Amino acid sequence: MYKNLPSGIKISITRSISTAFENYMSSIDWEEDRFDMNDFIFFWRAHSEEQGTWFAKVDPEVKEDPGFHEAIAKKINETIEKIVSEPVSEDLAASIEIKQEKLGTSYQYGCKAEAQYVEQLLKEMEK
C-alpha cells in the first residue's frame, strides 16, 4: 500500500521522519544510550498526527494495513541510517572547533545533524 501512495505523500512521510528524528535526538541531547526506538516511534507518530501534512491525506484503512507498517518501519530505518551517516562539512566542523576552544568545551559529534545540534548548543552558550 505504501508504494501506491503519491510521491508527494511519500516525500512528506520521509520529511516527517527526518524532522521527528532530529527533534527526538535533540530532546535526549543526542545521547545514543538514551535512544529508544519505541519512544521514537511514539514521538514520530505524535509529530505526524499534529504537524504532518501527509497524515490526514492517507486513508485510515491504509494506515492500519500491516504492509503499510512494514514499509514505514523500513523507511524509518533507512532515513535514520541516512541521517547518522551524513558527514560533517569542514566548515561546520571548523565553526564548532572555534566555538569549543573559546568556550572550553569538548562536545563530540558524529554526523551533520548532531554537529548542527552541537553548534546550536554552543551558540546558546555564547549568549
PDB file of N, CA and C in Angstrom:
ATOM      1  N   MET A   1       0.817  -1.207   0.000  1.00  0.00           N
ATOM      2  CA  MET A   1       0.000   0.000   0.000  1.00  0.00           C
ATOM      3  C   MET A   1       0.858   1.267   0.000  1.00  0.00           C
ATOM      4  N   TYR A   2       1.980   1.219   0.693  1.00  0.00           N
ATOM      5  CA  TYR A   2       2.859   2.386   0.741  1.00  0.00           C
ATOM      6  C   TYR A   2       3.326   2.759  -0.658  1.00  0.00           C
ATOM      7  N   LYS A   3       3.744   1.753  -1.418  1.00  0.00           N
ATOM      8  CA  LYS A   3       4.294   2.042  -2.742  1.00  0.00           C
ATOM      9  C   LYS A   3       3.262   2.624  -3.694  1.00  0.00           C
ATOM     10  N   ASN A   4       1.982   2.482  -3.381  1.00  0.00           N
ATOM     11  CA  ASN A   4       0.925   3.041  -4.226  1.00  0.00           C
ATOM     12  C   ASN A   4       0.584   4.489  -3.881  1.00  0.00           C
ATOM     13  N   LEU A   5       1.160   5.000  -2.813  1.00  0.00           N
ATOM     14  CA  LEU A   5       0.895   6.385  -2.425  1.00  0.00           C
ATOM     15  C   LEU A   5       1.554   7.337  -3.421  1.00  0.00           C
ATOM     16  N   PRO A   6       0.968   8.516  -3.609  1.00  0.00           N
ATOM     17  CA  PRO A   6       1.596   9.511  -4.481  1.00  0.00           C
ATOM     18  C   PRO A   6       2.984   9.891  -3.951  1.00  0.00           C
ATOM     19  N   SER A   7       3.878  10.228  -4.848  1.00  0.00           N
ATOM     20  CA  SER A   7       5.255  10.535  -4.445  1.00  0.00           C
ATOM     21  C   SER A   7       5.321  11.703  -3.464  1.00  0.00           C
ATOM     22  N   GLY A   8       4.431  12.678  -3.599  1.00  0.00           N
ATOM     23  CA  GLY A   8       4.414  13.820  -2.674  1.00  0.00           C
ATOM     24  C   GLY A   8       4.138  13.385  -1.240  1.00  0.00           C
ATOM     25  N   ILE A   9       3.264  12.416  -1.075  1.00  0.00           N
ATOM     26  CA  ILE A   9       2.965  11.920   0.273  1.00  0.00           C
ATOM     27  C   ILE A   9       4.151  11.128   0.811  1.00  0.00           C
ATOM     28  N   LYS A  10       4.798  10.335  -0.040  1.00  0.00           N
ATOM     29  CA  LYS A  10       5.975   9.582   0.401  1.00  0.00           C
ATOM     30  C   LYS A  10       7.096  10.534   0.820  1.00  0.00           C
ATOM     31  N   ILE A  11       7.273  11.591   0.072  1.00  0.00           N
ATOM     32  CA  ILE A  11       8.283  12.598   0.423  1.00  0.00           C
ATOM     33  C   ILE A  11       7.926  13.249   1.758  1.00  0.00           C
ATOM     34  N   SER A  12       6.655  13.552   1.951  1.00  0.00           N
ATOM     35  CA  SER A  12       6.205  14.162   3.199  1.00  0.00           C
ATOM     36  C   SER A  12       6.419  13.212   4.386  1.00  0.00           C
ATOM     37  N   ILE A  13       6.200  11.933   4.179  1.00  0.00           N
ATOM     38  CA  ILE A  13       6.428  10.947   5.243  1.00  0.00           C
ATOM     39  C   ILE A  13       7.915  10.923   5.599  1.00  0.00           C
ATOM     40  N   THR A  14       8.769  10.899   4.588  1.00  0.00           N
ATOM     41  CA  THR A  14      10.211  10.879   4.837  1.00  0.00           C
ATOM     42  C   THR A  14      10.656  12.134   5.569  1.00  0.00           C
ATOM     43  N   ARG A  15      10.146  13.275   5.157  1.00  0.00           N
ATOM     44  CA  ARG A  15      10.491  14.530   5.850  1.00  0.00           C
ATOM     45  C   ARG A  15      10.040  14.497   7.297  1.00  0.00           C
ATOM     46  N   SER A  16       8.842  13.954   7.528  1.00  0.00           N
ATOM     47  CA  SER A  16       8.347  13.909   8.908  1.00  0.00           C
ATOM     48  C   SER A  16       9.224  12.993   9.763  1.00  0.00           C
ATOM     49  N   ILE A  17       9.719  11.915   9.177  1.00  0.00           N
ATOM     50  CA  ILE A  17      10.622  11.022   9.913  1.00  0.00           C
ATOM     51  C   ILE A  17      11.913  11.767  10.242  1.00  0.00           C
ATOM     52  N   SER A  18      12.471  12.450   9.248  1.00  0.00           N
ATOM     53  CA  SER A  18      13.724  13.199   9.460  1.00  0.00           C
ATOM     54  C   SER A  18      13.563  14.257  10.537  1.00  0.00           C
ATOM     55  N   THR A  19      12.530  15.056  10.414  1.00  0.00           N
ATOM     56  CA  THR A  19      12.292  16.131  11.380  1.00  0.00           C
ATOM     57  C   THR A  19      12.072  15.570  12.773  1.00  0.00           C
ATOM     58  N   ALA A  20      11.233  14.545  12.868  1.00  0.00           N
ATOM     59  CA  ALA A  20      10.953  13.952  14.179  1.00  0.00           C
ATOM     60  C   ALA A  20      12.207  13.332  14.775  1.00  0.00           C
ATOM     61  N   PHE A  21      13.020  12.666  13.954  1.00  0.00           N
ATOM     62  CA  PHE A  21      14.241  12.051  14.471  1.00  0.00           C
ATOM     63  C   PHE A  21      15.194  13.104  15.025  1.00  0.00           C
ATOM     64  N   GLU A  22      15.411  14.155  14.264  1.00  0.00           N
ATOM     65  CA  GLU A  22      16.317  15.201  14.730  1.00  0.00           C
ATOM     66  C   GLU A  22      15.775  15.878  15.987  1.00  0.00           C
ATOM     67  N   ASN A  23      14.472  16.108  16.039  1.00  0.00           N
ATOM     68  CA  ASN A  23      13.877  16.711  17.235  1.00  0.00           C
ATOM     69  C   ASN A  23      13.952  15.768  18.435  1.00  0.00           C
ATOM     70  N   TYR A  24      13.693  14.486  18.180  1.00  0.00           N
ATOM     71  CA  TYR A  24      13.780  13.498  19.255  1.00  0.00           C
ATOM     72  C   TYR A  24      15.206  13.420  19.790  1.00  0.00           C
ATOM     73  N   MET A  25      16.172  13.339  18.891  1.00  0.00           N
ATOM     74  CA  MET A  25      17.564  13.248  19.326  1.00  0.00           C
ATOM     75  C   MET A  25      17.979  14.504  20.091  1.00  0.00           C
ATOM     76  N   SER A  26      17.502  15.656  19.663  1.00  0.00           N
ATOM     77  CA  SER A  26      17.788  16.891  20.401  1.00  0.00           C
ATOM     78  C   SER A  26      17.187  16.825  21.804  1.00  0.00           C
ATOM     79  N   SER A  27      15.991  16.241  21.904  1.00  0.00           N
ATOM     80  CA  SER A  27      15.327  16.157  23.206  1.00  0.00           C
ATOM     81  C   SER A  27      16.083  15.265  24.181  1.00  0.00           C
ATOM     82  N   ILE A  28      16.907  14.352  23.644  1.00  0.00           N
ATOM     83  CA  ILE A  28      17.714  13.486  24.516  1.00  0.00           C
ATOM     84  C   ILE A  28      19.197  13.864  24.413  1.00  0.00           C
ATOM     85  N   ASP A  29      19.444  15.091  23.952  1.00  0.00           N
ATOM     86  CA  ASP A  29      20.797  15.649  23.842  1.00  0.00           C
ATOM     87  C   ASP A  29      21.744  14.771  23.012  1.00  0.00           C
ATOM     88  N   TRP A  30      21.190  14.110  22.024  1.00  0.00           N
ATOM     89  CA  TRP A  30      21.961  13.250  21.118  1.00  0.00           C
ATOM     90  C   TRP A  30      22.765  12.194  21.880  1.00  0.00           C
ATOM     91  N   GLU A  31      22.251  11.757  23.023  1.00  0.00           N
ATOM     92  CA  GLU A  31      22.901  10.703  23.796  1.00  0.00           C
ATOM     93  C   GLU A  31      22.373   9.356  23.301  1.00  0.00           C
ATOM     94  N   GLU A  32      23.209   8.661  22.544  1.00  0.00           N
ATOM     95  CA  GLU A  32      22.796   7.421  21.888  1.00  0.00           C
ATOM     96  C   GLU A  32      22.283   6.374  22.873  1.00  0.00           C
ATOM     97  N   ASP A  33      22.859   6.332  24.071  1.00  0.00           N
ATOM     98  CA  ASP A  33      22.422   5.337  25.040  1.00  0.00           C
ATOM     99  C   ASP A  33      21.011   5.620  25.568  1.00  0.00           C
ATOM    100  N   ARG A  34      20.514   6.811  25.356  1.00  0.00           N
ATOM    101  CA  ARG A  34      19.141   7.151  25.755  1.00  0.00           C
ATOM    102  C   ARG A  34      18.136   6.900  24.642  1.00  0.00           C
ATOM    103  N   PHE A  35      18.634   6.600  23.423  1.00  0.00           N
ATOM    104  CA  PHE A  35      17.739   6.363  22.299  1.00  0.00           C
ATOM    105  C   PHE A  35      16.936   5.085  22.520  1.00  0.00           C
ATOM    106  N   ASP A  36      15.648   5.175  22.297  1.00  0.00           N
ATOM    107  CA  ASP A  36      14.762   4.023  22.389  1.00  0.00           C
ATOM    108  C   ASP A  36      13.845   4.070  21.170  1.00  0.00           C
ATOM    109  N   MET A  37      13.904   3.052  20.331  1.00  0.00           N
ATOM    110  CA  MET A  37      13.130   3.050  19.095  1.00  0.00           C
ATOM    111  C   MET A  37      11.637   3.182  19.373  1.00  0.00           C
ATOM    112  N   ASN A  38      11.133   2.524  20.398  1.00  0.00           N
ATOM    113  CA  ASN A  38       9.710   2.640  20.711  1.00  0.00           C
ATOM    114  C   ASN A  38       9.335   4.068  21.090  1.00  0.00           C
ATOM    115  N   ASP A  39      10.193   4.714  21.872  1.00  0.00           N
ATOM    116  CA  ASP A  39       9.948   6.117  22.229  1.00  0.00           C
ATOM    117  C   ASP A  39       9.966   6.989  20.978  1.00  0.00           C
ATOM    118  N   PHE A  40      10.934   6.717  20.092  1.00  0.00           N
ATOM    119  CA  PHE A  40      10.998   7.500  18.862  1.00  0.00           C
ATOM    120  C   PHE A  40       9.748   7.302  18.015  1.00  0.00           C
ATOM    121  N   ILE A  41       9.291   6.073  17.871  1.00  0.00           N
ATOM    122  CA  ILE A  41       8.087   5.798  17.067  1.00  0.00           C
ATOM    123  C   ILE A  41       6.902   6.570  17.646  1.00  0.00           C
ATOM    124  N   PHE A  42       6.772   6.551  18.960  1.00  0.00           N
ATOM    125  CA  PHE A  42       5.697   7.306  19.612  1.00  0.00           C
ATOM    126  C   PHE A  42       5.846   8.795  19.317  1.00  0.00           C
ATOM    127  N   PHE A  43       7.068   9.296  19.442  1.00  0.00           N
ATOM    128  CA  PHE A  43       7.374  10.706  19.166  1.00  0.00           C
ATOM    129  C   PHE A  43       7.032  11.048  17.719  1.00  0.00           C
ATOM    130  N   TRP A  44       7.452  10.187  16.775  1.00  0.00           N
ATOM    131  CA  TRP A  44       7.194  10.427  15.354  1.00  0.00           C
ATOM    132  C   TRP A  44       5.698  10.397  15.049  1.00  0.00           C
ATOM    133  N   ARG A  45       5.007   9.448  15.630  1.00  0.00           N
ATOM    134  CA  ARG A  45       3.561   9.344  15.374  1.00  0.00           C
ATOM    135  C   ARG A  45       2.843  10.607  15.873  1.00  0.00           C
ATOM    136  N   ALA A  46       3.191  11.079  17.062  1.00  0.00           N
ATOM    137  CA  ALA A  46       2.583  12.302  17.593  1.00  0.00           C
ATOM    138  C   ALA A  46       2.904  13.478  16.681  1.00  0.00           C
ATOM    139  N   HIS A  47       4.154  13.569  16.244  1.00  0.00           N
ATOM    140  CA  HIS A  47       4.563  14.633  15.322  1.00  0.00           C
ATOM    141  C   HIS A  47       3.755  14.556  14.029  1.00  0.00           C
ATOM    142  N   SER A  48       3.592  13.358  13.498  1.00  0.00           N
ATOM    143  CA  SER A  48       2.871  13.170  12.242  1.00  0.00           C
ATOM    144  C   SER A  48       1.401  13.545  12.377  1.00  0.00           C
ATOM    145  N   GLU A  49       0.789  13.149  13.466  1.00  0.00           N
ATOM    146  CA  GLU A  49      -0.623  13.454  13.673  1.00  0.00           C
ATOM    147  C   GLU A  49      -0.855  14.946  13.870  1.00  0.00           C
ATOM    148  N   GLU A  50       0.074  15.615  14.546  1.00  0.00           N
ATOM    149  CA  GLU A  50      -0.094  17.031  14.848  1.00  0.00           C
ATOM    150  C   GLU A  50       0.381  17.943  13.728  1.00  0.00           C
ATOM    151  N   GLN A  51       1.489  17.587  13.081  1.00  0.00           N
ATOM    152  CA  GLN A  51       2.097  18.509  12.130  1.00  0.00           C
ATOM    153  C   GLN A  51       2.296  17.935  10.732  1.00  0.00           C
ATOM    154  N   GLY A  52       2.181  16.627  10.582  1.00  0.00           N
ATOM    155  CA  GLY A  52       2.434  16.015   9.286  1.00  0.00           C
ATOM    156  C   GLY A  52       1.298  16.262   8.307  1.00  0.00           C
ATOM    157  N   THR A  53       1.620  16.899   7.203  1.00  0.00           N
ATOM    158  CA  THR A  53       0.588  17.167   6.195  1.00  0.00           C
ATOM    159  C   THR A  53       0.107  15.875   5.550  1.00  0.00           C
ATOM    160  N   TRP A  54       0.928  14.861   5.575  1.00  0.00           N
ATOM    161  CA  TRP A  54       0.580  13.609   4.925  1.00  0.00           C
ATOM    162  C   TRP A  54      -0.459  12.818   5.704  1.00  0.00           C
ATOM    163  N   PHE A  55      -0.483  12.953   7.022  1.00  0.00           N
ATOM    164  CA  PHE A  55      -1.278  12.071   7.874  1.00  0.00           C
ATOM    165  C   PHE A  55      -2.769  12.115   7.532  1.00  0.00           C
ATOM    166  N   ALA A  56      -3.300  13.291   7.336  1.00  0.00           N
ATOM    167  CA  ALA A  56      -4.726  13.426   7.031  1.00  0.00           C
ATOM    168  C   ALA A  56      -5.048  13.002   5.601  1.00  0.00           C
ATOM    169  N   LYS A  57      -4.044  12.938   4.742  1.00  0.00           N
ATOM    170  CA  LYS A  57      -4.265  12.599   3.338  1.00  0.00           C
ATOM    171  C   LYS A  57      -4.259  11.098   3.065  1.00  0.00           C
ATOM    172  N   VAL A  58      -3.808  10.323   4.038  1.00  0.00           N
ATOM    173  CA  VAL A  58      -3.755   8.873   3.861  1.00  0.00           C
ATOM    174  C   VAL A  58      -4.980   8.260   4.529  1.00  0.00           C
ATOM    175  N   ASP A  59      -5.678   7.431   3.766  1.00  0.00           N
ATOM    176  CA  ASP A  59      -6.885   6.790   4.290  1.00  0.00           C
ATOM    177  C   ASP A  59      -6.579   5.974   5.536  1.00  0.00           C
ATOM    178  N   PRO A  60      -7.502   5.995   6.510  1.00  0.00           N
ATOM    179  CA  PRO A  60      -7.297   5.221   7.738  1.00  0.00           C
ATOM    180  C   PRO A  60      -7.044   3.734   7.465  1.00  0.00           C
ATOM    181  N   GLU A  61      -7.717   3.165   6.471  1.00  0.00           N
ATOM    182  CA  GLU A  61      -7.513   1.739   6.181  1.00  0.00           C
ATOM    183  C   GLU A  61      -6.087   1.458   5.697  1.00  0.00           C
ATOM    184  N   VAL A  62      -5.486   2.415   5.002  1.00  0.00           N
ATOM    185  CA  VAL A  62      -4.095   2.268   4.572  1.00  0.00           C
ATOM    186  C   VAL A  62      -3.190   2.308   5.800  1.00  0.00           C
ATOM    187  N   LYS A  63      -3.447   3.263   6.700  1.00  0.00           N
ATOM    188  CA  LYS A  63      -2.619   3.410   7.895  1.00  0.00           C
ATOM    189  C   LYS A  63      -2.724   2.198   8.823  1.00  0.00           C
ATOM    190  N   GLU A  64      -3.809   1.436   8.716  1.00  0.00           N
ATOM    191  CA  GLU A  64      -3.993   0.258   9.555  1.00  0.00           C
ATOM    192  C   GLU A  64      -3.422  -1.011   8.929  1.00  0.00           C
ATOM    193  N   ASP A  65      -3.070  -0.954   7.656  1.00  0.00           N
ATOM    194  CA  ASP A  65      -2.597  -2.130   6.930  1.00  0.00           C
ATOM    195  C   ASP A  65      -1.209  -2.564   7.416  1.00  0.00           C
ATOM    196  N   PRO A  66      -1.017  -3.842   7.741  1.00  0.00           N
ATOM    197  CA  PRO A  66       0.295  -4.323   8.186  1.00  0.00           C
ATOM    198  C   PRO A  66       1.406  -4.072   7.160  1.00  0.00           C
ATOM    199  N   GLY A  67       1.097  -4.161   5.894  1.00  0.00           N
ATOM    200  CA  GLY A  67       2.080  -3.888   4.852  1.00  0.00           C
ATOM    201  C   GLY A  67       2.557  -2.445   4.890  1.00  0.00           C
ATOM    202  N   PHE A  68       1.640  -1.536   5.193  1.00  0.00           N
ATOM    203  CA  PHE A  68       1.993  -0.124   5.333  1.00  0.00           C
ATOM    204  C   PHE A  68       2.950   0.050   6.506  1.00  0.00           C
ATOM    205  N   HIS A  69       2.651  -0.615   7.611  1.00  0.00           N
ATOM    206  CA  HIS A  69       3.509  -0.529   8.795  1.00  0.00           C
ATOM    207  C   HIS A  69       4.907  -1.087   8.511  1.00  0.00           C
ATOM    208  N   GLU A  70       4.980  -2.165   7.768  1.00  0.00           N
ATOM    209  CA  GLU A  70       6.281  -2.728   7.407  1.00  0.00           C
ATOM    210  C   GLU A  70       7.068  -1.748   6.534  1.00  0.00           C
ATOM    211  N   ALA A  71       6.382  -1.143   5.568  1.00  0.00           N
ATOM    212  CA  ALA A  71       7.045  -0.172   4.690  1.00  0.00           C
ATOM    213  C   ALA A  71       7.504   1.054   5.471  1.00  0.00           C
ATOM    214  N   ILE A  72       6.695   1.498   6.415  1.00  0.00           N
ATOM    215  CA  ILE A  72       7.065   2.650   7.243  1.00  0.00           C
ATOM    216  C   ILE A  72       8.265   2.302   8.127  1.00  0.00           C
ATOM    217  N   ALA A  73       8.269   1.105   8.695  1.00  0.00           N
ATOM    218  CA  ALA A  73       9.406   0.688   9.523  1.00  0.00           C
ATOM    219  C   ALA A  73      10.687   0.679   8.689  1.00  0.00           C
ATOM    220  N   LYS A  74      10.604   0.182   7.481  1.00  0.00           N
ATOM    221  CA  LYS A  74      11.764   0.170   6.591  1.00  0.00           C
ATOM    222  C   LYS A  74      12.206   1.598   6.277  1.00  0.00           C
ATOM    223  N   LYS A  75      11.252   2.478   5.991  1.00  0.00           N
ATOM    224  CA  LYS A  75      11.557   3.880   5.668  1.00  0.00           C
ATOM    225  C   LYS A  75      12.175   4.580   6.880  1.00  0.00           C
ATOM    226  N   ILE A  76      11.687   4.292   8.060  1.00  0.00           N
ATOM    227  CA  ILE A  76      12.259   4.876   9.279  1.00  0.00           C
ATOM    228  C   ILE A  76      13.722   4.455   9.415  1.00  0.00           C
ATOM    229  N   ASN A  77      13.985   3.167   9.268  1.00  0.00           N
ATOM    230  CA  ASN A  77      15.367   2.676   9.389  1.00  0.00           C
ATOM    231  C   ASN A  77      16.271   3.292   8.330  1.00  0.00           C
ATOM    232  N   GLU A  78      15.797   3.367   7.099  1.00  0.00           N
ATOM    233  CA  GLU A  78      16.591   3.960   6.012  1.00  0.00           C
ATOM    234  C   GLU A  78      16.879   5.436   6.282  1.00  0.00           C
ATOM    235  N   THR A  79      15.868   6.151   6.738  1.00  0.00           N
ATOM    236  CA  THR A  79      16.010   7.586   6.989  1.00  0.00           C
ATOM    237  C   THR A  79      16.973   7.850   8.136  1.00  0.00           C
ATOM    238  N   ILE A  80      16.847   7.094   9.213  1.00  0.00           N
ATOM    239  CA  ILE A  80      17.763   7.249  10.342  1.00  0.00           C
ATOM    240  C   ILE A  80      19.187   6.942   9.897  1.00  0.00           C
ATOM    241  N   GLU A  81      19.355   5.868   9.149  1.00  0.00           N
ATOM    242  CA  GLU A  81      20.695   5.498   8.671  1.00  0.00           C
ATOM    243  C   GLU A  81      21.287   6.611   7.808  1.00  0.00           C
ATOM    244  N   LYS A  82      20.470   7.196   6.966  1.00  0.00           N
ATOM    245  CA  LYS A  82      20.946   8.288   6.105  1.00  0.00           C
ATOM    246  C   LYS A  82      21.381   9.487   6.950  1.00  0.00           C
ATOM    247  N   ILE A  83      20.593   9.833   7.958  1.00  0.00           N
ATOM    248  CA  ILE A  83      20.908  10.982   8.807  1.00  0.00           C
ATOM    249  C   ILE A  83      22.212  10.756   9.567  1.00  0.00           C
ATOM    250  N   VAL A  84      22.347   9.599  10.197  1.00  0.00           N
ATOM    251  CA  VAL A  84      23.531   9.364  11.030  1.00  0.00           C
ATOM    252  C   VAL A  84      24.780   9.059  10.204  1.00  0.00           C
ATOM    253  N   SER A  85      24.602   8.857   8.902  1.00  0.00           N
ATOM    254  CA  SER A  85      25.743   8.606   8.017  1.00  0.00           C
ATOM    255  C   SER A  85      26.216   9.852   7.277  1.00  0.00           C
ATOM    256  N   GLU A  86      25.436  10.929   7.360  1.00  0.00           N
ATOM    257  CA  GLU A  86      25.797  12.134   6.617  1.00  0.00           C
ATOM    258  C   GLU A  86      26.994  12.812   7.280  1.00  0.00           C
ATOM    259  N   PRO A  87      28.074  12.985   6.537  1.00  0.00           N
ATOM    260  CA  PRO A  87      29.289  13.553   7.131  1.00  0.00           C
ATOM    261  C   PRO A  87      29.143  15.040   7.463  1.00  0.00           C
ATOM    262  N   VAL A  88      29.957  15.461   8.390  1.00  0.00           N
ATOM    263  CA  VAL A  88      30.006  16.859   8.806  1.00  0.00           C
ATOM    264  C   VAL A  88      30.886  17.618   7.812  1.00  0.00           C
ATOM    265  N   SER A  89      30.405  18.755   7.345  1.00  0.00           N
ATOM    266  CA  SER A  89      31.213  19.558   6.416  1.00  0.00           C
ATOM    267  C   SER A  89      32.417  20.137   7.157  1.00  0.00           C
ATOM    268  N   GLU A  90      33.440  20.431   6.406  1.00  0.00           N
ATOM    269  CA  GLU A  90      34.640  21.022   7.010  1.00  0.00           C
ATOM    270  C   GLU A  90      34.317  22.368   7.640  1.00  0.00           C
ATOM    271  N   ASP A  91      33.467  23.161   6.980  1.00  0.00           N
ATOM    272  CA  ASP A  91      33.102  24.476   7.519  1.00  0.00           C
ATOM    273  C   ASP A  91      32.385  24.354   8.858  1.00  0.00           C
ATOM    274  N   LEU A  92      31.458  23.411   8.948  1.00  0.00           N
ATOM    275  CA  LEU A  92      30.718  23.226  10.193  1.00  0.00           C
ATOM    276  C   LEU A  92      31.646  22.738  11.298  1.00  0.00           C
ATOM    277  N   ALA A  93      32.503  21.789  10.979  1.00  0.00           N
ATOM    278  CA  ALA A  93      33.456  21.281  11.972  1.00  0.00           C
ATOM    279  C   ALA A  93      34.383  22.396  12.456  1.00  0.00           C
ATOM    280  N   ALA A  94      34.842  23.221  11.540  1.00  0.00           N
ATOM    281  CA  ALA A  94      35.728  24.333  11.910  1.00  0.00           C
ATOM    282  C   ALA A  94      35.001  25.324  12.816  1.00  0.00           C
ATOM    283  N   SER A  95      33.764  25.632  12.464  1.00  0.00           N
ATOM    284  CA  SER A  95      32.965  26.553  13.274  1.00  0.00           C
ATOM    285  C   SER A  95      32.790  26.025  14.693  1.00  0.00           C
ATOM    286  N   ILE A  96      32.511  24.737  14.802  1.00  0.00           N
ATOM    287  CA  ILE A  96      32.332  24.125  16.120  1.00  0.00           C
ATOM    288  C   ILE A  96      33.641  24.147  16.904  1.00  0.00           C
ATOM    289  N   GLU A  97      34.719  23.802  16.261  1.00  0.00           N
ATOM    290  CA  GLU A  97      36.005  23.756  16.955  1.00  0.00           C
ATOM    291  C   GLU A  97      36.419  25.132  17.469  1.00  0.00           C
ATOM    292  N   ILE A  98      36.171  26.163  16.686  1.00  0.00           N
ATOM    293  CA  ILE A  98      36.479  27.531  17.128  1.00  0.00           C
ATOM    294  C   ILE A  98      35.660  27.885  18.364  1.00  0.00           C
ATOM    295  N   LYS A  99      34.373  27.571  18.323  1.00  0.00           N
ATOM    296  CA  LYS A  99      33.498  27.853  19.467  1.00  0.00           C
ATOM    297  C   LYS A  99      33.915  27.029  20.689  1.00  0.00           C
ATOM    298  N   GLN A 100      34.288  25.783  20.468  1.00  0.00           N
ATOM    299  CA  GLN A 100      34.678  24.927  21.595  1.00  0.00           C
ATOM    300  C   GLN A 100      35.955  25.443  22.252  1.00  0.00           C
ATOM    301  N   GLU A 101      36.909  25.883  21.453  1.00  0.00           N
ATOM    302  CA  GLU A 101      38.138  26.448  22.023  1.00  0.00           C
ATOM    303  C   GLU A 101      37.820  27.674  22.861  1.00  0.00           C
ATOM    304  N   LYS A 102      36.950  28.516  22.327  1.00  0.00           N
ATOM    305  CA  LYS A 102      36.569  29.747  23.006  1.00  0.00           C
ATOM    306  C   LYS A 102      35.847  29.459  24.327  1.00  0.00           C
ATOM    307  N   LEU A 103      34.993  28.433  24.317  1.00  0.00           N
ATOM    308  CA  LEU A 103      34.167  28.132  25.482  1.00  0.00           C
ATOM    309  C   LEU A 103      34.773  27.067  26.398  1.00  0.00           C
ATOM    310  N   GLY A 104      35.839  26.437  25.946  1.00  0.00           N
ATOM    311  CA  GLY A 104      36.469  25.398  26.755  1.00  0.00           C
ATOM    312  C   GLY A 104      35.638  24.130  26.856  1.00  0.00           C
ATOM    313  N   THR A 105      34.930  23.790  25.800  1.00  0.00           N
ATOM    314  CA  THR A 105      34.113  22.581  25.793  1.00  0.00           C
ATOM    315  C   THR A 105      34.731  21.542  24.864  1.00  0.00           C
ATOM    316  N   SER A 106      34.203  20.337  24.939  1.00  0.00           N
ATOM    317  CA  SER A 106      34.720  19.277  24.063  1.00  0.00           C
ATOM    318  C   SER A 106      33.601  18.329  23.640  1.00  0.00           C
ATOM    319  N   TYR A 107      32.524  18.903  23.125  1.00  0.00           N
ATOM    320  CA  TYR A 107      31.413  18.083  22.652  1.00  0.00           C
ATOM    321  C   TYR A 107      31.848  17.265  21.442  1.00  0.00           C
ATOM    322  N   GLN A 108      31.374  16.034  21.404  1.00  0.00           N
ATOM    323  CA  GLN A 108      31.650  15.149  20.286  1.00  0.00           C
ATOM    324  C   GLN A 108      30.426  15.115  19.370  1.00  0.00           C
ATOM    325  N   TYR A 109      30.646  14.840  18.111  1.00  0.00           N
ATOM    326  CA  TYR A 109      29.556  14.728  17.151  1.00  0.00           C
ATOM    327  C   TYR A 109      29.993  13.784  16.043  1.00  0.00           C
ATOM    328  N   GLY A 110      29.043  13.038  15.535  1.00  0.00           N
ATOM    329  CA  GLY A 110      29.397  12.033  14.548  1.00  0.00           C
ATOM    330  C   GLY A 110      28.752  12.186  13.189  1.00  0.00           C
ATOM    331  N   CYS A 111      27.795  13.076  13.081  1.00  0.00           N
ATOM    332  CA  CYS A 111      27.122  13.272  11.800  1.00  0.00           C
ATOM    333  C   CYS A 111      26.713  14.747  11.681  1.00  0.00           C
ATOM    334  N   LYS A 112      26.274  15.113  10.521  1.00  0.00           N
ATOM    335  CA  LYS A 112      25.921  16.507  10.261  1.00  0.00           C
ATOM    336  C   LYS A 112      24.812  16.994  11.203  1.00  0.00           C
ATOM    337  N   ALA A 113      23.767  16.192  11.375  1.00  0.00           N
ATOM    338  CA  ALA A 113      22.649  16.620  12.224  1.00  0.00           C
ATOM    339  C   ALA A 113      23.089  16.820  13.670  1.00  0.00           C
ATOM    340  N   GLU A 114      23.919  15.916  14.159  1.00  0.00           N
ATOM    341  CA  GLU A 114      24.413  16.057  15.532  1.00  0.00           C
ATOM    342  C   GLU A 114      25.334  17.267  15.645  1.00  0.00           C
ATOM    343  N   ALA A 115      26.147  17.500  14.622  1.00  0.00           N
ATOM    344  CA  ALA A 115      27.025  18.675  14.616  1.00  0.00           C
ATOM    345  C   ALA A 115      26.212  19.961  14.620  1.00  0.00           C
ATOM    346  N   GLN A 116      25.125  19.975  13.883  1.00  0.00           N
ATOM    347  CA  GLN A 116      24.260  21.162  13.883  1.00  0.00           C
ATOM    348  C   GLN A 116      23.664  21.387  15.267  1.00  0.00           C
ATOM    349  N   TYR A 117      23.317  20.309  15.943  1.00  0.00           N
ATOM    350  CA  TYR A 117      22.814  20.403  17.309  1.00  0.00           C
ATOM    351  C   TYR A 117      23.890  20.987  18.231  1.00  0.00           C
ATOM    352  N   VAL A 118      25.113  20.470  18.120  1.00  0.00           N
ATOM    353  CA  VAL A 118      26.221  20.956  18.947  1.00  0.00           C
ATOM    354  C   VAL A 118      26.489  22.424  18.657  1.00  0.00           C
ATOM    355  N   GLU A 119      26.487  22.783  17.379  1.00  0.00           N
ATOM    356  CA  GLU A 119      26.731  24.194  17.016  1.00  0.00           C
ATOM    357  C   GLU A 119      25.668  25.101  17.649  1.00  0.00           C
ATOM    358  N   GLN A 120      24.416  24.690  17.600  1.00  0.00           N
ATOM    359  CA  GLN A 120      23.343  25.491  18.188  1.00  0.00           C
ATOM    360  C   GLN A 120      23.516  25.599  19.698  1.00  0.00           C
ATOM    361  N   LEU A 121      23.899  24.485  20.327  1.00  0.00           N
ATOM    362  CA  LEU A 121      24.141  24.469  21.761  1.00  0.00           C
ATOM    363  C   LEU A 121      25.255  25.457  22.130  1.00  0.00           C
ATOM    364  N   LEU A 122      26.320  25.448  21.343  1.00  0.00           N
ATOM    365  CA  LEU A 122      27.441  26.354  21.588  1.00  0.00           C
ATOM    366  C   LEU A 122      27.041  27.809  21.381  1.00  0.00           C
ATOM    367  N   LYS A 123      26.218  28.063  20.373  1.00  0.00           N
ATOM    368  CA  LYS A 123      25.729  29.430  20.137  1.00  0.00           C
ATOM    369  C   LYS A 123      24.935  29.926  21.324  1.00  0.00           C
ATOM    370  N   GLU A 124      24.116  29.042  21.899  1.00  0.00           N
ATOM    371  CA  GLU A 124      23.333  29.401  23.083  1.00  0.00           C
ATOM    372  C   GLU A 124      24.257  29.689  24.260  1.00  0.00           C
ATOM    373  N   MET A 125      25.324  28.930  24.375  1.00  0.00           N
ATOM    374  CA  MET A 125      26.281  29.133  25.466  1.00  0.00           C
ATOM    375  C   MET A 125      27.025  30.455  25.320  1.00  0.00           C
ATOM    376  N   GLU A 126      27.229  30.898  24.091  1.00  0.00           N
ATOM    377  CA  GLU A 126      27.933  32.157  23.845  1.00  0.00           C
ATOM    378  C   GLU A 126      27.112  33.376  24.247  1.00  0.00           C
ATOM    379  N   LYS A 127      25.808  33.227  24.293  1.00  0.00           N
ATOM    380  CA  LYS A 127      24.927  34.369  24.605  1.00  0.00           C
ATOM    381  C   LYS A 127      25.075  34.829  26.026  1.00  0.00           C
TER     382      LYS A 127
END
